[in-house]
Amino acid sequence: MEIVNIDAKTFEDMLSKFESFASRMENLCRLHGDKDMSEWLDNQDVCLLLKISPRTLQTLRDNGTLAYTQINHKTYYKPQDVEKILPLVEDKRKQAKYKGKQI
């Protein structure tokens, strides 16, 4: 462990800047607070809704079919984006069934 000494004035300046940053972040959160995270879906929710495997979900993300947002290594989806691809998933399911496979 390394110990760093700083004078009181420098510490107060850093603390003031941090408080200013925290205040700006709170204001931004208030401005965009209508985007409630409880409305977003995670991987498990989408897999259950679309009746697909996690690997199929990853393929949908990778090829750009399904939009997503990542926050702290966790993936979230907007419900309206999931609804948009529902017909596509159903078509793929029918094609797979015709070929004797399953998605």
C-alpha atoms as a PDB file:
ATOM      1  CA  MET A   1       0.000   0.000   0.000  1.00  0.00           C
ATOM      2  CA  GLU A   2       1.230   3.464  -0.857  1.00  0.00           C
ATOM      3  CA  ILE A   3       0.478   6.472   1.317  1.00  0.00           C
ATOM      4  CA  VAL A   4       0.199   9.904  -0.271  1.00  0.00           C
ATOM      5  CA  ASN A   5       0.201  13.083   1.788  1.00  0.00           C
ATOM      6  CA  ILE A   6      -1.475  16.225   0.471  1.00  0.00           C
ATOM      7  CA  ASP A   7      -1.962  19.577   2.133  1.00  0.00           C
ATOM      8  CA  ALA A   8      -5.357  20.622   3.507  1.00  0.00           C
ATOM      9  CA  LYS A   9      -6.020  23.192   0.750  1.00  0.00           C
ATOM     10  CA  THR A  10      -5.505  20.624  -1.997  1.00  0.00           C
ATOM     11  CA  PHE A  11      -7.770  18.190  -0.170  1.00  0.00           C
ATOM     12  CA  GLU A  12     -10.495  20.839   0.198  1.00  0.00           C
ATOM     13  CA  ASP A  13     -10.215  21.684  -3.528  1.00  0.00           C
ATOM     14  CA  MET A  14     -10.548  18.019  -4.464  1.00  0.00           C
ATOM     15  CA  LEU A  15     -13.517  17.605  -2.140  1.00  0.00           C
ATOM     16  CA  SER A  16     -15.204  20.690  -3.594  1.00  0.00           C
ATOM     17  CA  LYS A  17     -14.732  19.436  -7.153  1.00  0.00           C
ATOM     18  CA  PHE A  18     -16.064  16.021  -6.223  1.00  0.00           C
ATOM     19  CA  GLU A  19     -19.150  17.564  -4.610  1.00  0.00           C
ATOM     20  CA  SER A  20     -19.683  19.661  -7.743  1.00  0.00           C
ATOM     21  CA  PHE A  21     -19.414  16.530  -9.890  1.00  0.00           C
ATOM     22  CA  ALA A  22     -21.861  14.639  -7.661  1.00  0.00           C
ATOM     23  CA  SER A  23     -24.312  17.539  -7.857  1.00  0.00           C
ATOM     24  CA  ARG A  24     -24.141  17.594 -11.670  1.00  0.00           C
ATOM     25  CA  MET A  25     -24.713  13.840 -11.771  1.00  0.00           C
ATOM     26  CA  GLU A  26     -27.785  14.184  -9.547  1.00  0.00           C
ATOM     27  CA  ASN A  27     -29.156  16.884 -11.851  1.00  0.00           C
ATOM     28  CA  LEU A  28     -28.612  14.675 -14.890  1.00  0.00           C
ATOM     29  CA  CYS A  29     -30.349  11.779 -13.169  1.00  0.00           C
ATOM     30  CA  ARG A  30     -33.293  14.021 -12.326  1.00  0.00           C
ATOM     31  CA  LEU A  31     -33.506  15.266 -15.926  1.00  0.00           C
ATOM     32  CA  HIS A  32     -33.518  11.764 -17.322  1.00  0.00           C
ATOM     33  CA  GLY A  33     -35.307  10.145 -14.401  1.00  0.00           C
ATOM     34  CA  ASP A  34     -38.310   9.213 -16.523  1.00  0.00           C
ATOM     35  CA  LYS A  35     -36.276   6.337 -17.954  1.00  0.00           C
ATOM     36  CA  ASP A  36     -37.118   3.940 -15.154  1.00  0.00           C
ATOM     37  CA  MET A  37     -34.792   0.917 -15.107  1.00  0.00           C
ATOM     38  CA  SER A  38     -37.643  -1.258 -13.821  1.00  0.00           C
ATOM     39  CA  GLU A  39     -39.138  -1.000 -17.315  1.00  0.00           C
ATOM     40  CA  TRP A  40     -36.020  -2.535 -18.859  1.00  0.00           C
ATOM     41  CA  LEU A  41     -35.569  -6.289 -19.293  1.00  0.00           C
ATOM     42  CA  ASP A  42     -32.486  -8.352 -18.524  1.00  0.00           C
ATOM     43  CA  ASN A  43     -31.186 -11.435 -20.357  1.00  0.00           C
ATOM     44  CA  GLN A  44     -33.315 -13.868 -18.388  1.00  0.00           C
ATOM     45  CA  ASP A  45     -36.493 -11.846 -18.953  1.00  0.00           C
ATOM     46  CA  VAL A  46     -35.933 -11.720 -22.715  1.00  0.00           C
ATOM     47  CA  CYS A  47     -35.102 -15.424 -22.953  1.00  0.00           C
ATOM     48  CA  LEU A  48     -38.297 -16.303 -21.099  1.00  0.00           C
ATOM     49  CA  LEU A  49     -40.452 -13.910 -23.130  1.00  0.00           C
ATOM     50  CA  LEU A  50     -39.130 -15.043 -26.505  1.00  0.00           C
ATOM     51  CA  LYS A  51     -38.644 -18.671 -25.442  1.00  0.00           C
ATOM     52  CA  ILE A  52     -35.070 -18.686 -26.709  1.00  0.00           C
ATOM     53  CA  SER A  53     -31.735 -19.804 -25.295  1.00  0.00           C
ATOM     54  CA  PRO A  54     -29.125 -17.391 -23.950  1.00  0.00           C
ATOM     55  CA  ARG A  55     -26.915 -18.280 -26.937  1.00  0.00           C
ATOM     56  CA  THR A  56     -29.668 -17.333 -29.395  1.00  0.00           C
ATOM     57  CA  LEU A  57     -30.113 -14.072 -27.508  1.00  0.00           C
ATOM     58  CA  GLN A  58     -26.396 -13.393 -27.830  1.00  0.00           C
ATOM     59  CA  THR A  59     -26.607 -14.032 -31.579  1.00  0.00           C
ATOM     60  CA  LEU A  60     -29.463 -11.525 -31.854  1.00  0.00           C
ATOM     61  CA  ARG A  61     -27.274  -8.962 -30.081  1.00  0.00           C
ATOM     62  CA  ASP A  62     -24.149  -9.779 -32.086  1.00  0.00           C
ATOM     63  CA  ASN A  63     -25.795  -9.462 -35.500  1.00  0.00           C
ATOM     64  CA  GLY A  64     -27.535  -6.201 -34.553  1.00  0.00           C
ATOM     65  CA  THR A  65     -31.058  -7.603 -34.608  1.00  0.00           C
ATOM     66  CA  LEU A  66     -31.754  -6.659 -30.989  1.00  0.00           C
ATOM     67  CA  ALA A  67     -30.629  -3.355 -29.493  1.00  0.00           C
ATOM     68  CA  TYR A  68     -29.247  -3.458 -25.969  1.00  0.00           C
ATOM     69  CA  THR A  69     -27.513  -1.410 -23.306  1.00  0.00           C
ATOM     70  CA  GLN A  70     -24.753  -2.604 -21.019  1.00  0.00           C
ATOM     71  CA  ILE A  71     -24.293  -1.204 -17.539  1.00  0.00           C
ATOM     72  CA  ASN A  72     -21.589  -2.682 -15.303  1.00  0.00           C
ATOM     73  CA  HIS A  73     -21.326  -5.837 -17.439  1.00  0.00           C
ATOM     74  CA  LYS A  74     -25.082  -6.420 -17.218  1.00  0.00           C
ATOM     75  CA  THR A  75     -27.173  -6.290 -20.360  1.00  0.00           C
ATOM     76  CA  TYR A  76     -30.582  -4.592 -20.557  1.00  0.00           C
ATOM     77  CA  TYR A  77     -33.203  -4.382 -23.305  1.00  0.00           C
ATOM     78  CA  LYS A  78     -36.088  -1.999 -23.917  1.00  0.00           C
ATOM     79  CA  PRO A  79     -39.429  -3.825 -24.005  1.00  0.00           C
ATOM     80  CA  GLN A  80     -40.384  -2.118 -27.291  1.00  0.00           C
ATOM     81  CA  ASP A  81     -37.186  -3.422 -28.938  1.00  0.00           C
ATOM     82  CA  VAL A  82     -38.001  -6.955 -27.801  1.00  0.00           C
ATOM     83  CA  GLU A  83     -41.555  -6.612 -29.155  1.00  0.00           C
ATOM     84  CA  LYS A  84     -40.183  -5.502 -32.544  1.00  0.00           C
ATOM     85  CA  ILE A  85     -38.204  -8.716 -33.027  1.00  0.00           C
ATOM     86  CA  LEU A  86     -40.948 -11.070 -31.828  1.00  0.00           C
ATOM     87  CA  PRO A  87     -42.210 -11.747 -35.396  1.00  0.00           C
ATOM     88  CA  LEU A  88     -38.646 -12.423 -36.554  1.00  0.00           C
ATOM     89  CA  VAL A  89     -38.088 -14.938 -33.759  1.00  0.00           C
ATOM     90  CA  GLU A  90     -41.387 -16.645 -34.574  1.00  0.00           C
ATOM     91  CA  ASP A  91     -40.381 -16.914 -38.252  1.00  0.00           C
ATOM     92  CA  LYS A  92     -37.009 -18.384 -37.298  1.00  0.00           C
ATOM     93  CA  ARG A  93     -38.771 -20.844 -34.980  1.00  0.00           C
ATOM     94  CA  LYS A  94     -41.068 -21.963 -37.842  1.00  0.00           C
ATOM     95  CA  GLN A  95     -38.111 -22.366 -40.206  1.00  0.00           C
ATOM     96  CA  ALA A  96     -36.206 -24.390 -37.617  1.00  0.00           C
ATOM     97  CA  LYS A  97     -39.235 -26.586 -36.944  1.00  0.00           C
ATOM     98  CA  TYR A  98     -39.607 -27.200 -40.679  1.00  0.00           C
ATOM     99  CA  LYS A  99     -35.982 -28.378 -40.750  1.00  0.00           C
ATOM    100  CA  GLY A 100     -36.550 -30.578 -37.713  1.00  0.00           C
ATOM    101  CA  LYS A 101     -34.559 -28.314 -35.418  1.00  0.00           C
ATOM    102  CA  GLN A 102     -35.340 -26.098 -32.470  1.00  0.00           C
ATOM    103  CA  ILE A 103     -34.201 -22.615 -31.454  1.00  0.00           C
END
